[in-house]
Amino acid sequence: MIETVLDTVSLQHLLRKPKRKNGNSPDKEITSIDPLVAAGKLRLVLDMEAALVSEWTDTCDAEVVKILISFWEQHGGIKFIDVSTKVDRQVGRKLRQFGFTDTMDKHILRLTLSTDQKRLTSDDSDFWDPSKPGQVGDMNSPVAKLLSTQLGVKLRFLKTLMLEAS
């Protein structure tokens, strides 16, 4: 089973074209990753403090986020963990030099580092190259490369995650 932290931009992309627009309920699939969760192939990792869920509800439709979380929990697709890992100071400095400065992005990185698989799904260019908004998927991008080589993070964008979990 793949466990991953899902950033807010990826969730927004999932919710752009929901599978069902009407009749959403906790027992019906809404997004394209729901079948992977229901099949036990994918589990999303969230922080016990609920900072990421709070970010999701502030940024996306709060009611739909509640329905998604309920669906994912019902199918064993959510794992809550404590965010316990800090980013090494030298790596943190380098990330800031690349323009990686958003507080929630830093929290998401710490959450990822606290997981067993260190897997992060992000369609947010800040995790790839903050100087190139909208560009994701290039593992040679400065932030992506640093996360991989220095921290062991397995960074994927949403489409790649769905292929790997299928």
C-alpha atoms as a PDB file:
ATOM      1  CA  MET A   1       0.000   0.000   0.000  1.00  0.00           C
ATOM      2  CA  ILE A   2       1.221   3.457  -0.872  1.00  0.00           C
ATOM      3  CA  GLU A   3       1.048   6.051   1.898  1.00  0.00           C
ATOM      4  CA  THR A   4       1.413   9.673   0.915  1.00  0.00           C
ATOM      5  CA  VAL A   5       0.905  13.207   2.140  1.00  0.00           C
ATOM      6  CA  LEU A   6      -1.378  15.042  -0.280  1.00  0.00           C
ATOM      7  CA  ASP A   7      -0.808  18.770  -0.595  1.00  0.00           C
ATOM      8  CA  THR A   8      -3.608  21.307  -0.999  1.00  0.00           C
ATOM      9  CA  VAL A   9      -2.962  22.068  -4.668  1.00  0.00           C
ATOM     10  CA  SER A  10      -3.287  18.365  -5.487  1.00  0.00           C
ATOM     11  CA  LEU A  11      -6.575  18.196  -3.592  1.00  0.00           C
ATOM     12  CA  GLN A  12      -7.803  21.256  -5.492  1.00  0.00           C
ATOM     13  CA  HIS A  13      -6.940  19.504  -8.764  1.00  0.00           C
ATOM     14  CA  LEU A  14      -8.818  16.393  -7.660  1.00  0.00           C
ATOM     15  CA  LEU A  15     -11.873  18.489  -6.853  1.00  0.00           C
ATOM     16  CA  ARG A  16     -11.916  20.381 -10.160  1.00  0.00           C
ATOM     17  CA  LYS A  17     -13.590  17.465 -11.882  1.00  0.00           C
ATOM     18  CA  PRO A  18     -15.265  15.390  -9.208  1.00  0.00           C
ATOM     19  CA  LYS A  19     -16.579  11.995 -10.261  1.00  0.00           C
ATOM     20  CA  ARG A  20     -20.007  12.823  -8.836  1.00  0.00           C
ATOM     21  CA  LYS A  21     -21.365  16.342  -8.668  1.00  0.00           C
ATOM     22  CA  ASN A  22     -24.691  15.528  -7.042  1.00  0.00           C
ATOM     23  CA  GLY A  23     -25.569  13.152  -4.272  1.00  0.00           C
ATOM     24  CA  ASN A  24     -22.144  13.319  -2.655  1.00  0.00           C
ATOM     25  CA  SER A  25     -22.166  11.318   0.533  1.00  0.00           C
ATOM     26  CA  PRO A  26     -19.513   9.608   2.637  1.00  0.00           C
ATOM     27  CA  ASP A  27     -20.161   6.269   0.927  1.00  0.00           C
ATOM     28  CA  LYS A  28     -19.819   7.453  -2.686  1.00  0.00           C
ATOM     29  CA  GLU A  29     -16.668   8.151  -4.665  1.00  0.00           C
ATOM     30  CA  ILE A  30     -16.022  11.808  -5.407  1.00  0.00           C
ATOM     31  CA  THR A  31     -12.448  11.999  -6.702  1.00  0.00           C
ATOM     32  CA  SER A  32     -10.331   9.908  -9.037  1.00  0.00           C
ATOM     33  CA  ILE A  33      -8.225   8.595  -6.123  1.00  0.00           C
ATOM     34  CA  ASP A  34     -11.226   7.281  -4.184  1.00  0.00           C
ATOM     35  CA  PRO A  35     -11.223   3.884  -5.962  1.00  0.00           C
ATOM     36  CA  LEU A  36      -7.535   3.479  -5.019  1.00  0.00           C
ATOM     37  CA  VAL A  37      -8.360   4.249  -1.391  1.00  0.00           C
ATOM     38  CA  ALA A  38     -11.381   1.916  -1.424  1.00  0.00           C
ATOM     39  CA  ALA A  39      -9.256  -0.877  -2.926  1.00  0.00           C
ATOM     40  CA  GLY A  40      -6.664  -0.539  -0.159  1.00  0.00           C
ATOM     41  CA  LYS A  41      -3.950   0.618  -2.557  1.00  0.00           C
ATOM     42  CA  LEU A  42      -3.619   4.171  -1.235  1.00  0.00           C
ATOM     43  CA  ARG A  43      -3.626   5.738   2.232  1.00  0.00           C
ATOM     44  CA  LEU A  44      -3.351   9.456   2.912  1.00  0.00           C
ATOM     45  CA  VAL A  45      -1.294  10.628   5.863  1.00  0.00           C
ATOM     46  CA  LEU A  46      -2.551  13.567   7.915  1.00  0.00           C
ATOM     47  CA  ASP A  47      -1.190  15.310  10.974  1.00  0.00           C
ATOM     48  CA  MET A  48      -2.801  14.751  14.383  1.00  0.00           C
ATOM     49  CA  GLU A  49      -2.960  18.529  14.838  1.00  0.00           C
ATOM     50  CA  ALA A  50      -5.253  18.711  11.764  1.00  0.00           C
ATOM     51  CA  ALA A  51      -3.317  21.640  10.285  1.00  0.00           C
ATOM     52  CA  LEU A  52      -3.426  20.091   6.818  1.00  0.00           C
ATOM     53  CA  VAL A  53      -7.151  19.342   7.066  1.00  0.00           C
ATOM     54  CA  SER A  54      -7.687  22.929   8.195  1.00  0.00           C
ATOM     55  CA  GLU A  55      -5.742  24.152   5.160  1.00  0.00           C
ATOM     56  CA  TRP A  56      -7.842  21.919   2.910  1.00  0.00           C
ATOM     57  CA  THR A  57     -11.125  23.200   4.360  1.00  0.00           C
ATOM     58  CA  ASP A  58      -9.961  26.828   4.123  1.00  0.00           C
ATOM     59  CA  THR A  59      -8.884  26.408   0.506  1.00  0.00           C
ATOM     60  CA  CYS A  60     -11.381  23.908  -0.889  1.00  0.00           C
ATOM     61  CA  ASP A  61     -15.085  23.344  -0.307  1.00  0.00           C
ATOM     62  CA  ALA A  62     -15.210  22.547   3.429  1.00  0.00           C
ATOM     63  CA  GLU A  63     -18.271  20.301   3.129  1.00  0.00           C
ATOM     64  CA  VAL A  64     -16.724  18.247   0.325  1.00  0.00           C
ATOM     65  CA  VAL A  65     -13.496  17.906   2.326  1.00  0.00           C
ATOM     66  CA  LYS A  66     -15.501  16.534   5.279  1.00  0.00           C
ATOM     67  CA  ILE A  67     -17.238  14.048   2.969  1.00  0.00           C
ATOM     68  CA  LEU A  68     -13.906  12.979   1.446  1.00  0.00           C
ATOM     69  CA  ILE A  69     -12.255  12.457   4.807  1.00  0.00           C
ATOM     70  CA  SER A  70     -15.253  10.454   5.986  1.00  0.00           C
ATOM     71  CA  PHE A  71     -15.105   8.278   2.847  1.00  0.00           C
ATOM     72  CA  TRP A  72     -11.355   7.800   3.133  1.00  0.00           C
ATOM     73  CA  GLU A  73     -11.579   6.936   6.862  1.00  0.00           C
ATOM     74  CA  GLN A  74     -14.432   4.498   6.207  1.00  0.00           C
ATOM     75  CA  HIS A  75     -12.153   2.631   3.775  1.00  0.00           C
ATOM     76  CA  GLY A  76      -9.011   2.723   5.944  1.00  0.00           C
ATOM     77  CA  GLY A  77      -7.495   5.370   3.719  1.00  0.00           C
ATOM     78  CA  ILE A  78      -6.415   7.848   6.399  1.00  0.00           C
ATOM     79  CA  LYS A  79      -3.523   7.583   8.814  1.00  0.00           C
ATOM     80  CA  PHE A  80      -3.002  10.259  11.454  1.00  0.00           C
ATOM     81  CA  ILE A  81       0.515  10.790  12.792  1.00  0.00           C
ATOM     82  CA  ASP A  82       2.396  13.241  14.975  1.00  0.00           C
ATOM     83  CA  VAL A  83       4.630  15.666  13.142  1.00  0.00           C
ATOM     84  CA  SER A  84       7.885  14.952  14.905  1.00  0.00           C
ATOM     85  CA  THR A  85      10.668  15.520  12.385  1.00  0.00           C
ATOM     86  CA  LYS A  86      12.517  18.781  11.945  1.00  0.00           C
ATOM     87  CA  VAL A  87      14.298  19.811   8.759  1.00  0.00           C
ATOM     88  CA  ASP A  88      18.066  19.997   9.058  1.00  0.00           C
ATOM     89  CA  ARG A  89      19.193  23.646   9.328  1.00  0.00           C
ATOM     90  CA  GLN A  90      21.497  23.510   6.318  1.00  0.00           C
ATOM     91  CA  VAL A  91      18.762  21.963   4.177  1.00  0.00           C
ATOM     92  CA  GLY A  92      16.291  24.544   5.506  1.00  0.00           C
ATOM     93  CA  ARG A  93      18.641  27.368   4.502  1.00  0.00           C
ATOM     94  CA  LYS A  94      19.017  25.932   1.031  1.00  0.00           C
ATOM     95  CA  LEU A  95      15.241  25.569   0.677  1.00  0.00           C
ATOM     96  CA  ARG A  96      14.781  29.243   1.636  1.00  0.00           C
ATOM     97  CA  GLN A  97      17.381  30.220  -0.983  1.00  0.00           C
ATOM     98  CA  PHE A  98      15.273  28.400  -3.585  1.00  0.00           C
ATOM     99  CA  GLY A  99      12.186  30.364  -2.459  1.00  0.00           C
ATOM    100  CA  PHE A 100      10.567  27.584  -0.413  1.00  0.00           C
ATOM    101  CA  THR A 101       9.167  29.802   2.349  1.00  0.00           C
ATOM    102  CA  ASP A 102       5.441  29.078   2.780  1.00  0.00           C
ATOM    103  CA  THR A 103       4.606  28.034   6.361  1.00  0.00           C
ATOM    104  CA  MET A 104       2.097  25.349   5.348  1.00  0.00           C
ATOM    105  CA  ASP A 105       4.522  23.936   2.773  1.00  0.00           C
ATOM    106  CA  LYS A 106       7.125  23.629   5.532  1.00  0.00           C
ATOM    107  CA  HIS A 107       4.563  21.848   7.718  1.00  0.00           C
ATOM    108  CA  ILE A 108       3.694  19.470   4.874  1.00  0.00           C
ATOM    109  CA  LEU A 109       7.394  18.712   4.417  1.00  0.00           C
ATOM    110  CA  ARG A 110       7.815  18.008   8.152  1.00  0.00           C
ATOM    111  CA  LEU A 111       4.720  15.782   8.026  1.00  0.00           C
ATOM    112  CA  THR A 112       6.192  13.901   5.070  1.00  0.00           C
ATOM    113  CA  LEU A 113       9.490  13.436   6.870  1.00  0.00           C
ATOM    114  CA  SER A 114       7.578  11.994   9.844  1.00  0.00           C
ATOM    115  CA  THR A 115       6.059   9.211   7.711  1.00  0.00           C
ATOM    116  CA  ASP A 116       7.507   5.763   7.099  1.00  0.00           C
ATOM    117  CA  GLN A 117       7.504   6.045   3.301  1.00  0.00           C
ATOM    118  CA  LYS A 118       8.475   9.742   3.087  1.00  0.00           C
ATOM    119  CA  ARG A 119       6.174  10.097   0.091  1.00  0.00           C
ATOM    120  CA  LEU A 120       4.696  13.461  -0.892  1.00  0.00           C
ATOM    121  CA  THR A 121       2.172  14.092  -3.642  1.00  0.00           C
ATOM    122  CA  SER A 122       2.312  17.687  -4.809  1.00  0.00           C
ATOM    123  CA  ASP A 123       1.093  19.648  -7.788  1.00  0.00           C
ATOM    124  CA  ASP A 124       2.399  22.806  -6.093  1.00  0.00           C
ATOM    125  CA  SER A 125       5.373  24.302  -7.924  1.00  0.00           C
ATOM    126  CA  ASP A 126       6.842  25.374  -4.558  1.00  0.00           C
ATOM    127  CA  PHE A 127       7.828  21.739  -3.983  1.00  0.00           C
ATOM    128  CA  TRP A 128       9.502  21.608  -7.392  1.00  0.00           C
ATOM    129  CA  ASP A 129      10.826  25.060  -8.316  1.00  0.00           C
ATOM    130  CA  PRO A 130       9.187  28.115  -6.703  1.00  0.00           C
ATOM    131  CA  SER A 131      10.702  30.352  -9.391  1.00  0.00           C
ATOM    132  CA  LYS A 132       8.610  28.579 -12.064  1.00  0.00           C
ATOM    133  CA  PRO A 133       4.949  28.716 -11.014  1.00  0.00           C
ATOM    134  CA  GLY A 134       2.815  25.968 -12.498  1.00  0.00           C
ATOM    135  CA  GLN A 135       5.686  23.693 -13.468  1.00  0.00           C
ATOM    136  CA  VAL A 136       5.768  20.341 -11.688  1.00  0.00           C
ATOM    137  CA  GLY A 137       7.113  16.879 -12.284  1.00  0.00           C
ATOM    138  CA  ASP A 138      10.771  17.588 -13.073  1.00  0.00           C
ATOM    139  CA  MET A 139      12.880  15.701 -10.532  1.00  0.00           C
ATOM    140  CA  ASN A 140      15.842  17.902 -11.495  1.00  0.00           C
ATOM    141  CA  SER A 141      14.035  21.006 -10.246  1.00  0.00           C
ATOM    142  CA  PRO A 142      16.041  22.491  -7.356  1.00  0.00           C
ATOM    143  CA  VAL A 143      13.600  21.846  -4.489  1.00  0.00           C
ATOM    144  CA  ALA A 144      12.577  18.401  -5.766  1.00  0.00           C
ATOM    145  CA  LYS A 145      16.205  17.352  -6.164  1.00  0.00           C
ATOM    146  CA  LEU A 146      17.156  18.634  -2.708  1.00  0.00           C
ATOM    147  CA  LEU A 147      14.186  16.898  -1.077  1.00  0.00           C
ATOM    148  CA  SER A 148      15.107  13.652  -2.788  1.00  0.00           C
ATOM    149  CA  THR A 149      18.870  13.656  -2.320  1.00  0.00           C
ATOM    150  CA  GLN A 150      19.166  15.268   1.114  1.00  0.00           C
ATOM    151  CA  LEU A 151      15.952  14.158   2.820  1.00  0.00           C
ATOM    152  CA  GLY A 152      14.946  10.975   0.990  1.00  0.00           C
ATOM    153  CA  VAL A 153      11.525  12.368   0.039  1.00  0.00           C
ATOM    154  CA  LYS A 154       9.726  10.543  -2.765  1.00  0.00           C
ATOM    155  CA  LEU A 155       8.042  13.503  -4.453  1.00  0.00           C
ATOM    156  CA  ARG A 156       5.394  12.753  -7.054  1.00  0.00           C
ATOM    157  CA  PHE A 157       2.813  14.795  -8.809  1.00  0.00           C
ATOM    158  CA  LEU A 158      -0.791  13.623  -8.723  1.00  0.00           C
ATOM    159  CA  LYS A 159      -0.900  11.826 -12.082  1.00  0.00           C
ATOM    160  CA  THR A 160       2.229   9.838 -11.215  1.00  0.00           C
ATOM    161  CA  LEU A 161       0.807   8.823  -7.846  1.00  0.00           C
ATOM    162  CA  MET A 162      -2.353   7.522  -9.468  1.00  0.00           C
ATOM    163  CA  LEU A 163      -0.329   5.452 -11.958  1.00  0.00           C
ATOM    164  CA  GLU A 164       1.903   4.028  -9.234  1.00  0.00           C
ATOM    165  CA  ALA A 165      -1.027   3.132  -6.967  1.00  0.00           C
ATOM    166  CA  SER A 166      -3.071   1.489  -9.741  1.00  0.00           C
END
